[in-house]
Amino acid sequence: SSLRLSDSVSSIPLAESSPASGSPATVSGWGAVGYHQQLSRSLLE
């Protein structure tokens, strides 16, 4: 079923080209906060 888009649910466009070396970027998720540590309960970036 389709998502209801809003301020908290939005699509992101795909990159047209690979960013150059040194370009700033962000990555987000709920993964572990360190090697062999627990998953995060809240979203991290």
PDB file of all heavy atoms in Angstrom:
ATOM      1  N   SER A   1       0.846  -1.196   0.000  1.00  0.00           N
ATOM      2  CA  SER A   1       0.000   0.000   0.000  1.00  0.00           C
ATOM      3  C   SER A   1       0.877   1.239   0.000  1.00  0.00           C
ATOM      4  O   SER A   1       2.037   1.198   0.433  1.00  0.00           O
ATOM      5  CB  SER A   1      -0.939   0.006   1.212  1.00  0.00           C
ATOM      6  OG  SER A   1      -0.201  -0.103   2.413  1.00  0.00           O
ATOM      7  N   SER A   2       0.330   2.343  -0.486  1.00  0.00           N
ATOM      8  CA  SER A   2       1.106   3.574  -0.622  1.00  0.00           C
ATOM      9  C   SER A   2       1.314   4.251   0.731  1.00  0.00           C
ATOM     10  O   SER A   2       0.427   4.254   1.591  1.00  0.00           O
ATOM     11  CB  SER A   2       0.392   4.540  -1.561  1.00  0.00           C
ATOM     12  OG  SER A   2       0.329   4.006  -2.865  1.00  0.00           O
ATOM     13  N   LEU A   3       2.480   4.848   0.886  1.00  0.00           N
ATOM     14  CA  LEU A   3       2.769   5.632   2.073  1.00  0.00           C
ATOM     15  C   LEU A   3       2.038   6.970   2.005  1.00  0.00           C
ATOM     16  O   LEU A   3       1.835   7.526   0.925  1.00  0.00           O
ATOM     17  CB  LEU A   3       4.272   5.886   2.175  1.00  0.00           C
ATOM     18  CG  LEU A   3       5.182   4.657   2.209  1.00  0.00           C
ATOM     19  CD1 LEU A   3       6.641   5.084   2.152  1.00  0.00           C
ATOM     20  CD2 LEU A   3       4.909   3.819   3.449  1.00  0.00           C
ATOM     21  N   ARG A   4       1.663   7.479   3.151  1.00  0.00           N
ATOM     22  CA  ARG A   4       1.095   8.829   3.242  1.00  0.00           C
ATOM     23  C   ARG A   4       2.252   9.795   3.448  1.00  0.00           C
ATOM     24  O   ARG A   4       2.850   9.851   4.525  1.00  0.00           O
ATOM     25  CB  ARG A   4       0.096   8.915   4.395  1.00  0.00           C
ATOM     26  CG  ARG A   4      -1.082   7.942   4.254  1.00  0.00           C
ATOM     27  CD  ARG A   4      -2.109   8.149   5.358  1.00  0.00           C
ATOM     28  NE  ARG A   4      -1.539   7.998   6.696  1.00  0.00           N
ATOM     29  CZ  ARG A   4      -1.359   6.843   7.315  1.00  0.00           C
ATOM     30  NH1 ARG A   4      -1.689   5.698   6.710  1.00  0.00           N
ATOM     31  NH2 ARG A   4      -0.846   6.807   8.539  1.00  0.00           N
ATOM     32  N   LEU A   5       2.585  10.547   2.411  1.00  0.00           N
ATOM     33  CA  LEU A   5       3.726  11.446   2.473  1.00  0.00           C
ATOM     34  C   LEU A   5       3.415  12.659   3.346  1.00  0.00           C
ATOM     35  O   LEU A   5       2.289  13.145   3.386  1.00  0.00           O
ATOM     36  CB  LEU A   5       4.124  11.881   1.065  1.00  0.00           C
ATOM     37  CG  LEU A   5       4.491  10.738   0.096  1.00  0.00           C
ATOM     38  CD1 LEU A   5       4.929  11.288  -1.244  1.00  0.00           C
ATOM     39  CD2 LEU A   5       5.576   9.837   0.686  1.00  0.00           C
ATOM     40  N   SER A   6       4.436  13.134   4.061  1.00  0.00           N
ATOM     41  CA  SER A   6       4.269  14.241   5.000  1.00  0.00           C
ATOM     42  C   SER A   6       5.648  14.812   5.316  1.00  0.00           C
ATOM     43  O   SER A   6       6.646  14.435   4.699  1.00  0.00           O
ATOM     44  CB  SER A   6       3.599  13.743   6.287  1.00  0.00           C
ATOM     45  OG  SER A   6       4.460  12.844   6.972  1.00  0.00           O
ATOM     46  N   ASP A   7       5.716  15.696   6.320  1.00  0.00           N
ATOM     47  CA  ASP A   7       7.011  16.241   6.731  1.00  0.00           C
ATOM     48  C   ASP A   7       7.929  15.168   7.294  1.00  0.00           C
ATOM     49  O   ASP A   7       9.155  15.322   7.276  1.00  0.00           O
ATOM     50  CB  ASP A   7       6.807  17.332   7.797  1.00  0.00           C
ATOM     51  CG  ASP A   7       6.192  18.593   7.236  1.00  0.00           C
ATOM     52  OD1 ASP A   7       6.214  18.763   5.990  1.00  0.00           O
ATOM     53  OD2 ASP A   7       5.678  19.410   8.029  1.00  0.00           O
ATOM     54  N   SER A   8       7.358  14.074   7.792  1.00  0.00           N
ATOM     55  CA  SER A   8       8.161  13.004   8.389  1.00  0.00           C
ATOM     56  C   SER A   8       8.276  11.772   7.490  1.00  0.00           C
ATOM     57  O   SER A   8       8.948  10.803   7.850  1.00  0.00           O
ATOM     58  CB  SER A   8       7.584  12.597   9.745  1.00  0.00           C
ATOM     59  OG  SER A   8       6.252  12.145   9.607  1.00  0.00           O
ATOM     60  N   VAL A   9       7.612  11.804   6.341  1.00  0.00           N
ATOM     61  CA  VAL A   9       7.670  10.698   5.370  1.00  0.00           C
ATOM     62  C   VAL A   9       7.820  11.310   3.984  1.00  0.00           C
ATOM     63  O   VAL A   9       6.869  11.856   3.425  1.00  0.00           O
ATOM     64  CB  VAL A   9       6.405   9.817   5.411  1.00  0.00           C
ATOM     65  CG1 VAL A   9       6.523   8.676   4.401  1.00  0.00           C
ATOM     66  CG2 VAL A   9       6.170   9.274   6.813  1.00  0.00           C
ATOM     67  N   SER A  10       9.023  11.224   3.447  1.00  0.00           N
ATOM     68  CA  SER A  10       9.282  11.890   2.172  1.00  0.00           C
ATOM     69  C   SER A  10      10.298  11.103   1.362  1.00  0.00           C
ATOM     70  O   SER A  10      11.177  10.435   1.919  1.00  0.00           O
ATOM     71  CB  SER A  10       9.807  13.309   2.433  1.00  0.00           C
ATOM     72  OG  SER A  10      10.091  13.976   1.226  1.00  0.00           O
ATOM     73  N   SER A  11      10.192  11.177   0.056  1.00  0.00           N
ATOM     74  CA  SER A  11      11.153  10.519  -0.822  1.00  0.00           C
ATOM     75  C   SER A  11      12.420  11.357  -0.933  1.00  0.00           C
ATOM     76  O   SER A  11      12.431  12.548  -0.582  1.00  0.00           O
ATOM     77  CB  SER A  11      10.541  10.322  -2.210  1.00  0.00           C
ATOM     78  OG  SER A  11      10.214  11.582  -2.779  1.00  0.00           O
ATOM     79  N   ILE A  12      13.478  10.742  -1.419  1.00  0.00           N
ATOM     80  CA  ILE A  12      14.725  11.458  -1.663  1.00  0.00           C
ATOM     81  C   ILE A  12      15.174  11.161  -3.086  1.00  0.00           C
ATOM     82  O   ILE A  12      15.113  10.005  -3.537  1.00  0.00           O
ATOM     83  CB  ILE A  12      15.812  11.065  -0.638  1.00  0.00           C
ATOM     84  CG1 ILE A  12      17.076  11.898  -0.864  1.00  0.00           C
ATOM     85  CG2 ILE A  12      16.108   9.569  -0.666  1.00  0.00           C
ATOM     86  CD1 ILE A  12      18.088  11.781   0.261  1.00  0.00           C
ATOM     87  N   PRO A  13      15.613  12.169  -3.834  1.00  0.00           N
ATOM     88  CA  PRO A  13      16.049  11.927  -5.212  1.00  0.00           C
ATOM     89  C   PRO A  13      17.364  11.157  -5.265  1.00  0.00           C
ATOM     90  O   PRO A  13      18.200  11.260  -4.357  1.00  0.00           O
ATOM     91  CB  PRO A  13      16.205  13.339  -5.786  1.00  0.00           C
ATOM     92  CG  PRO A  13      16.413  14.217  -4.609  1.00  0.00           C
ATOM     93  CD  PRO A  13      15.646  13.603  -3.483  1.00  0.00           C
ATOM     94  N   LEU A  14      17.534  10.399  -6.334  1.00  0.00           N
ATOM     95  CA  LEU A  14      18.769   9.640  -6.536  1.00  0.00           C
ATOM     96  C   LEU A  14      19.849  10.551  -7.098  1.00  0.00           C
ATOM     97  O   LEU A  14      19.583  11.451  -7.893  1.00  0.00           O
ATOM     98  CB  LEU A  14      18.520   8.490  -7.516  1.00  0.00           C
ATOM     99  CG  LEU A  14      17.383   7.527  -7.190  1.00  0.00           C
ATOM    100  CD1 LEU A  14      17.315   6.426  -8.253  1.00  0.00           C
ATOM    101  CD2 LEU A  14      17.535   6.939  -5.799  1.00  0.00           C
ATOM    102  N   ALA A  15      21.076  10.308  -6.686  1.00  0.00           N
ATOM    103  CA  ALA A  15      22.210  11.083  -7.191  1.00  0.00           C
ATOM    104  C   ALA A  15      22.385  10.860  -8.685  1.00  0.00           C
ATOM    105  O   ALA A  15      22.230   9.740  -9.181  1.00  0.00           O
ATOM    106  CB  ALA A  15      23.477  10.688  -6.448  1.00  0.00           C
ATOM    107  N   GLU A  16      22.716  11.920  -9.391  1.00  0.00           N
ATOM    108  CA  GLU A  16      23.002  11.828 -10.823  1.00  0.00           C
ATOM    109  C   GLU A  16      24.444  11.402 -11.069  1.00  0.00           C
ATOM    110  O   GLU A  16      24.752  10.786 -12.085  1.00  0.00           O
ATOM    111  CB  GLU A  16      22.743  13.177 -11.489  1.00  0.00           C
ATOM    112  CG  GLU A  16      21.302  13.654 -11.425  1.00  0.00           C
ATOM    113  CD  GLU A  16      20.384  12.807 -12.290  1.00  0.00           C
ATOM    114  OE1 GLU A  16      20.887  12.143 -13.214  1.00  0.00           O
ATOM    115  OE2 GLU A  16      19.165  12.813 -12.042  1.00  0.00           O
ATOM    116  N   SER A  17      25.334  11.760 -10.142  1.00  0.00           N
ATOM    117  CA  SER A  17      26.746  11.411 -10.268  1.00  0.00           C
ATOM    118  C   SER A  17      27.321  11.153  -8.891  1.00  0.00           C
ATOM    119  O   SER A  17      26.783  11.629  -7.874  1.00  0.00           O
ATOM    120  CB  SER A  17      27.519  12.538 -10.961  1.00  0.00           C
ATOM    121  OG  SER A  17      27.411  13.744 -10.229  1.00  0.00           O
ATOM    122  N   SER A  18      28.392  10.406  -8.834  1.00  0.00           N
ATOM    123  CA  SER A  18      29.030  10.089  -7.556  1.00  0.00           C
ATOM    124  C   SER A  18      29.702  11.339  -7.002  1.00  0.00           C
ATOM    125  O   SER A  18      30.358  12.072  -7.743  1.00  0.00           O
ATOM    126  CB  SER A  18      30.068   8.984  -7.742  1.00  0.00           C
ATOM    127  OG  SER A  18      29.491   7.851  -8.348  1.00  0.00           O
ATOM    128  N   PRO A  19      29.551  11.624  -5.711  1.00  0.00           N
ATOM    129  CA  PRO A  19      30.188  12.812  -5.139  1.00  0.00           C
ATOM    130  C   PRO A  19      31.706  12.697  -5.154  1.00  0.00           C
ATOM    131  O   PRO A  19      32.263  11.600  -5.087  1.00  0.00           O
ATOM    132  CB  PRO A  19      29.641  12.855  -3.712  1.00  0.00           C
ATOM    133  CG  PRO A  19      29.223  11.459  -3.415  1.00  0.00           C
ATOM    134  CD  PRO A  19      28.778  10.872  -4.716  1.00  0.00           C
ATOM    135  N   ALA A  20      32.360  13.842  -5.232  1.00  0.00           N
ATOM    136  CA  ALA A  20      33.816  13.869  -5.270  1.00  0.00           C
ATOM    137  C   ALA A  20      34.403  13.494  -3.916  1.00  0.00           C
ATOM    138  O   ALA A  20      33.759  13.650  -2.862  1.00  0.00           O
ATOM    139  CB  ALA A  20      34.289  15.259  -5.681  1.00  0.00           C
ATOM    140  N   SER A  21      35.630  13.020  -3.933  1.00  0.00           N
ATOM    141  CA  SER A  21      36.341  12.720  -2.701  1.00  0.00           C
ATOM    142  C   SER A  21      36.385  13.965  -1.817  1.00  0.00           C
ATOM    143  O   SER A  21      36.635  15.077  -2.292  1.00  0.00           O
ATOM    144  CB  SER A  21      37.765  12.270  -3.038  1.00  0.00           C
ATOM    145  OG  SER A  21      38.527  12.090  -1.872  1.00  0.00           O
ATOM    146  N   GLY A  22      36.103  13.791  -0.544  1.00  0.00           N
ATOM    147  CA  GLY A  22      36.087  14.902   0.392  1.00  0.00           C
ATOM    148  C   GLY A  22      34.741  15.550   0.586  1.00  0.00           C
ATOM    149  O   GLY A  22      34.564  16.372   1.491  1.00  0.00           O
ATOM    150  N   SER A  23      33.771  15.197  -0.256  1.00  0.00           N
ATOM    151  CA  SER A  23      32.428  15.771  -0.127  1.00  0.00           C
ATOM    152  C   SER A  23      31.794  15.347   1.201  1.00  0.00           C
ATOM    153  O   SER A  23      31.915  14.190   1.606  1.00  0.00           O
ATOM    154  CB  SER A  23      31.530  15.309  -1.272  1.00  0.00           C
ATOM    155  OG  SER A  23      32.019  15.756  -2.515  1.00  0.00           O
ATOM    156  N   PRO A  24      31.105  16.273   1.891  1.00  0.00           N
ATOM    157  CA  PRO A  24      30.438  15.905   3.142  1.00  0.00           C
ATOM    158  C   PRO A  24      29.188  15.076   2.862  1.00  0.00           C
ATOM    159  O   PRO A  24      28.510  15.259   1.849  1.00  0.00           O
ATOM    160  CB  PRO A  24      30.079  17.254   3.758  1.00  0.00           C
ATOM    161  CG  PRO A  24      29.956  18.175   2.588  1.00  0.00           C
ATOM    162  CD  PRO A  24      30.960  17.702   1.575  1.00  0.00           C
ATOM    163  N   ALA A  25      28.881  14.166   3.764  1.00  0.00           N
ATOM    164  CA  ALA A  25      27.705  13.308   3.631  1.00  0.00           C
ATOM    165  C   ALA A  25      27.214  12.942   5.021  1.00  0.00           C
ATOM    166  O   ALA A  25      27.923  13.119   6.017  1.00  0.00           O
ATOM    167  CB  ALA A  25      28.040  12.052   2.827  1.00  0.00           C
ATOM    168  N   THR A  26      25.995  12.439   5.091  1.00  0.00           N
ATOM    169  CA  THR A  26      25.452  11.942   6.356  1.00  0.00           C
ATOM    170  C   THR A  26      24.887  10.555   6.144  1.00  0.00           C
ATOM    171  O   THR A  26      24.383  10.227   5.061  1.00  0.00           O
ATOM    172  CB  THR A  26      24.340  12.858   6.903  1.00  0.00           C
ATOM    173  OG1 THR A  26      23.287  12.962   5.946  1.00  0.00           O
ATOM    174  CG2 THR A  26      24.884  14.246   7.221  1.00  0.00           C
ATOM    175  N   VAL A  27      24.950   9.736   7.181  1.00  0.00           N
ATOM    176  CA  VAL A  27      24.356   8.404   7.155  1.00  0.00           C
ATOM    177  C   VAL A  27      23.552   8.243   8.436  1.00  0.00           C
ATOM    178  O   VAL A  27      23.940   8.739   9.493  1.00  0.00           O
ATOM    179  CB  VAL A  27      25.435   7.306   6.998  1.00  0.00           C
ATOM    180  CG1 VAL A  27      26.455   7.350   8.120  1.00  0.00           C
ATOM    181  CG2 VAL A  27      24.801   5.931   6.899  1.00  0.00           C
ATOM    182  N   SER A  28      22.417   7.582   8.329  1.00  0.00           N
ATOM    183  CA  SER A  28      21.515   7.459   9.482  1.00  0.00           C
ATOM    184  C   SER A  28      21.006   6.032   9.629  1.00  0.00           C
ATOM    185  O   SER A  28      21.009   5.253   8.669  1.00  0.00           O
ATOM    186  CB  SER A  28      20.337   8.429   9.335  1.00  0.00           C
ATOM    187  OG  SER A  28      19.706   8.297   8.069  1.00  0.00           O
ATOM    188  N   GLY A  29      20.560   5.714  10.841  1.00  0.00           N
ATOM    189  CA  GLY A  29      20.014   4.386  11.077  1.00  0.00           C
ATOM    190  C   GLY A  29      19.892   4.067  12.550  1.00  0.00           C
ATOM    191  O   GLY A  29      20.150   4.911  13.412  1.00  0.00           O
ATOM    192  N   TRP A  30      19.490   2.837  12.828  1.00  0.00           N
ATOM    193  CA  TRP A  30      19.267   2.360  14.200  1.00  0.00           C
ATOM    194  C   TRP A  30      20.275   1.288  14.586  1.00  0.00           C
ATOM    195  O   TRP A  30      20.031   0.496  15.493  1.00  0.00           O
ATOM    196  CB  TRP A  30      17.858   1.798  14.324  1.00  0.00           C
ATOM    197  CG  TRP A  30      16.773   2.813  14.202  1.00  0.00           C
ATOM    198  CD1 TRP A  30      16.246   3.579  15.211  1.00  0.00           C
ATOM    199  CD2 TRP A  30      16.037   3.164  13.025  1.00  0.00           C
ATOM    200  NE1 TRP A  30      15.244   4.387  14.727  1.00  0.00           N
ATOM    201  CE2 TRP A  30      15.092   4.154  13.386  1.00  0.00           C
ATOM    202  CE3 TRP A  30      16.085   2.748  11.684  1.00  0.00           C
ATOM    203  CZ2 TRP A  30      14.210   4.728  12.475  1.00  0.00           C
ATOM    204  CZ3 TRP A  30      15.220   3.322  10.768  1.00  0.00           C
ATOM    205  CH2 TRP A  30      14.284   4.295  11.161  1.00  0.00           C
ATOM    206  N   GLY A  31      21.401   1.264  13.941  1.00  0.00           N
ATOM    207  CA  GLY A  31      22.368   0.209  14.197  1.00  0.00           C
ATOM    208  C   GLY A  31      23.104   0.385  15.513  1.00  0.00           C
ATOM    209  O   GLY A  31      22.849   1.313  16.288  1.00  0.00           O
ATOM    210  N   ALA A  32      24.041  -0.541  15.762  1.00  0.00           N
ATOM    211  CA  ALA A  32      24.804  -0.534  17.006  1.00  0.00           C
ATOM    212  C   ALA A  32      25.658   0.721  17.108  1.00  0.00           C
ATOM    213  O   ALA A  32      26.083   1.283  16.106  1.00  0.00           O
ATOM    214  CB  ALA A  32      25.677  -1.781  17.078  1.00  0.00           C
ATOM    215  N   VAL A  33      25.908   1.159  18.341  1.00  0.00           N
ATOM    216  CA  VAL A  33      26.692   2.375  18.568  1.00  0.00           C
ATOM    217  C   VAL A  33      28.178   2.076  18.668  1.00  0.00           C
ATOM    218  O   VAL A  33      28.978   2.975  18.921  1.00  0.00           O
ATOM    219  CB  VAL A  33      26.206   3.117  19.833  1.00  0.00           C
ATOM    220  CG1 VAL A  33      24.775   3.592  19.634  1.00  0.00           C
ATOM    221  CG2 VAL A  33      26.309   2.217  21.066  1.00  0.00           C
ATOM    222  N   GLY A  34      28.556   0.825  18.448  1.00  0.00           N
ATOM    223  CA  GLY A  34      29.951   0.418  18.452  1.00  0.00           C
ATOM    224  C   GLY A  34      30.044  -1.063  18.144  1.00  0.00           C
ATOM    225  O   GLY A  34      29.058  -1.792  18.202  1.00  0.00           O
ATOM    226  N   TYR A  35      31.228  -1.494  17.791  1.00  0.00           N
ATOM    227  CA  TYR A  35      31.445  -2.890  17.430  1.00  0.00           C
ATOM    228  C   TYR A  35      31.052  -3.801  18.587  1.00  0.00           C
ATOM    229  O   TYR A  35      31.494  -3.633  19.719  1.00  0.00           O
ATOM    230  CB  TYR A  35      32.914  -3.082  17.071  1.00  0.00           C
ATOM    231  CG  TYR A  35      33.244  -4.442  16.509  1.00  0.00           C
ATOM    232  CD1 TYR A  35      32.473  -5.006  15.493  1.00  0.00           C
ATOM    233  CD2 TYR A  35      34.346  -5.144  16.982  1.00  0.00           C
ATOM    234  CE1 TYR A  35      32.791  -6.248  14.970  1.00  0.00           C
ATOM    235  CE2 TYR A  35      34.673  -6.385  16.460  1.00  0.00           C
ATOM    236  CZ  TYR A  35      33.885  -6.932  15.458  1.00  0.00           C
ATOM    237  OH  TYR A  35      34.199  -8.167  14.937  1.00  0.00           O
ATOM    238  N   HIS A  36      30.153  -4.777  18.317  1.00  0.00           N
ATOM    239  CA  HIS A  36      29.649  -5.725  19.312  1.00  0.00           C
ATOM    240  C   HIS A  36      28.849  -5.035  20.419  1.00  0.00           C
ATOM    241  O   HIS A  36      28.729  -5.570  21.521  1.00  0.00           O
ATOM    242  CB  HIS A  36      30.785  -6.536  19.934  1.00  0.00           C
ATOM    243  CG  HIS A  36      31.271  -7.649  19.047  1.00  0.00           C
ATOM    244  ND1 HIS A  36      30.435  -8.389  18.229  1.00  0.00           N
ATOM    245  CD2 HIS A  36      32.520  -8.145  18.852  1.00  0.00           C
ATOM    246  CE1 HIS A  36      31.151  -9.287  17.584  1.00  0.00           C
ATOM    247  NE2 HIS A  36      32.416  -9.160  17.931  1.00  0.00           N
ATOM    248  N   GLN A  37      28.306  -3.844  20.150  1.00  0.00           N
ATOM    249  CA  GLN A  37      27.466  -3.163  21.127  1.00  0.00           C
ATOM    250  C   GLN A  37      26.003  -3.237  20.717  1.00  0.00           C
ATOM    251  O   GLN A  37      25.655  -3.751  19.663  1.00  0.00           O
ATOM    252  CB  GLN A  37      27.928  -1.712  21.297  1.00  0.00           C
ATOM    253  CG  GLN A  37      29.332  -1.598  21.888  1.00  0.00           C
ATOM    254  CD  GLN A  37      29.685  -0.178  22.260  1.00  0.00           C
ATOM    255  OE1 GLN A  37      28.838   0.614  22.671  1.00  0.00           O
ATOM    256  NE2 GLN A  37      30.970   0.154  22.117  1.00  0.00           N
ATOM    257  N   GLN A  38      25.133  -2.708  21.564  1.00  0.00           N
ATOM    258  CA  GLN A  38      23.696  -2.794  21.352  1.00  0.00           C
ATOM    259  C   GLN A  38      23.228  -1.877  20.225  1.00  0.00           C
ATOM    260  O   GLN A  38      23.852  -0.865  19.920  1.00  0.00           O
ATOM    261  CB  GLN A  38      22.954  -2.416  22.635  1.00  0.00           C
ATOM    262  CG  GLN A  38      23.195  -3.372  23.796  1.00  0.00           C
ATOM    263  CD  GLN A  38      22.634  -4.753  23.525  1.00  0.00           C
ATOM    264  OE1 GLN A  38      21.512  -4.890  23.035  1.00  0.00           O
ATOM    265  NE2 GLN A  38      23.405  -5.786  23.838  1.00  0.00           N
ATOM    266  N   LEU A  39      22.087  -2.251  19.615  1.00  0.00           N
ATOM    267  CA  LEU A  39      21.455  -1.369  18.648  1.00  0.00           C
ATOM    268  C   LEU A  39      20.920  -0.137  19.358  1.00  0.00           C
ATOM    269  O   LEU A  39      20.590  -0.172  20.542  1.00  0.00           O
ATOM    270  CB  LEU A  39      20.302  -2.083  17.944  1.00  0.00           C
ATOM    271  CG  LEU A  39      20.616  -3.367  17.176  1.00  0.00           C
ATOM    272  CD1 LEU A  39      19.357  -3.840  16.461  1.00  0.00           C
ATOM    273  CD2 LEU A  39      21.742  -3.153  16.196  1.00  0.00           C
ATOM    274  N   SER A  40      20.823   0.962  18.619  1.00  0.00           N
ATOM    275  CA  SER A  40      20.253   2.180  19.167  1.00  0.00           C
ATOM    276  C   SER A  40      18.732   2.064  19.201  1.00  0.00           C
ATOM    277  O   SER A  40      18.116   1.541  18.274  1.00  0.00           O
ATOM    278  CB  SER A  40      20.657   3.381  18.321  1.00  0.00           C
ATOM    279  OG  SER A  40      20.033   4.562  18.799  1.00  0.00           O
ATOM    280  N   ARG A  41      18.102   2.571  20.252  1.00  0.00           N
ATOM    281  CA  ARG A  41      16.641   2.550  20.350  1.00  0.00           C
ATOM    282  C   ARG A  41      16.010   3.689  19.554  1.00  0.00           C
ATOM    283  O   ARG A  41      14.834   3.623  19.200  1.00  0.00           O
ATOM    284  CB  ARG A  41      16.214   2.637  21.811  1.00  0.00           C
ATOM    285  CG  ARG A  41      16.623   1.413  22.625  1.00  0.00           C
ATOM    286  CD  ARG A  41      16.074   1.498  24.038  1.00  0.00           C
ATOM    287  NE  ARG A  41      16.427   0.306  24.813  1.00  0.00           N
ATOM    288  CZ  ARG A  41      16.052   0.095  26.061  1.00  0.00           C
ATOM    289  NH1 ARG A  41      15.316   1.017  26.692  1.00  0.00           N
ATOM    290  NH2 ARG A  41      16.409  -0.994  26.685  1.00  0.00           N
ATOM    291  N   SER A  42      16.794   4.754  19.317  1.00  0.00           N
ATOM    292  CA  SER A  42      16.279   5.890  18.552  1.00  0.00           C
ATOM    293  C   SER A  42      17.169   6.137  17.342  1.00  0.00           C
ATOM    294  O   SER A  42      18.325   5.693  17.289  1.00  0.00           O
ATOM    295  CB  SER A  42      16.210   7.146  19.431  1.00  0.00           C
ATOM    296  OG  SER A  42      17.507   7.500  19.877  1.00  0.00           O
ATOM    297  N   LEU A  43      16.640   6.858  16.381  1.00  0.00           N
ATOM    298  CA  LEU A  43      17.338   7.107  15.128  1.00  0.00           C
ATOM    299  C   LEU A  43      18.570   7.966  15.354  1.00  0.00           C
ATOM    300  O   LEU A  43      18.517   8.992  16.036  1.00  0.00           O
ATOM    301  CB  LEU A  43      16.384   7.796  14.148  1.00  0.00           C
ATOM    302  CG  LEU A  43      16.901   8.083  12.746  1.00  0.00           C
ATOM    303  CD1 LEU A  43      17.306   6.793  12.041  1.00  0.00           C
ATOM    304  CD2 LEU A  43      15.834   8.817  11.941  1.00  0.00           C
ATOM    305  N   LEU A  44      19.692   7.547  14.777  1.00  0.00           N
ATOM    306  CA  LEU A  44      20.949   8.271  14.881  1.00  0.00           C
ATOM    307  C   LEU A  44      21.414   8.710  13.497  1.00  0.00           C
ATOM    308  O   LEU A  44      21.114   8.076  12.490  1.00  0.00           O
ATOM    309  CB  LEU A  44      22.035   7.397  15.516  1.00  0.00           C
ATOM    310  CG  LEU A  44      21.781   6.861  16.923  1.00  0.00           C
ATOM    311  CD1 LEU A  44      22.947   5.984  17.368  1.00  0.00           C
ATOM    312  CD2 LEU A  44      21.575   8.003  17.908  1.00  0.00           C
ATOM    313  N   GLU A  45      22.181   9.792  13.479  1.00  0.00           N
ATOM    314  CA  GLU A  45      22.773  10.295  12.241  1.00  0.00           C
ATOM    315  C   GLU A  45      24.224  10.667  12.531  1.00  0.00           C
ATOM    316  O   GLU A  45      24.557  11.097  13.630  1.00  0.00           O
ATOM    317  CB  GLU A  45      22.003  11.522  11.747  1.00  0.00           C
ATOM    318  CG  GLU A  45      22.536  12.108  10.450  1.00  0.00           C
ATOM    319  CD  GLU A  45      21.821  13.392  10.065  1.00  0.00           C
ATOM    320  OE1 GLU A  45      21.846  14.344  10.881  1.00  0.00           O
ATOM    321  OE2 GLU A  45      21.249  13.456   8.959  1.00  0.00           O
TER     322      GLU A  45
END
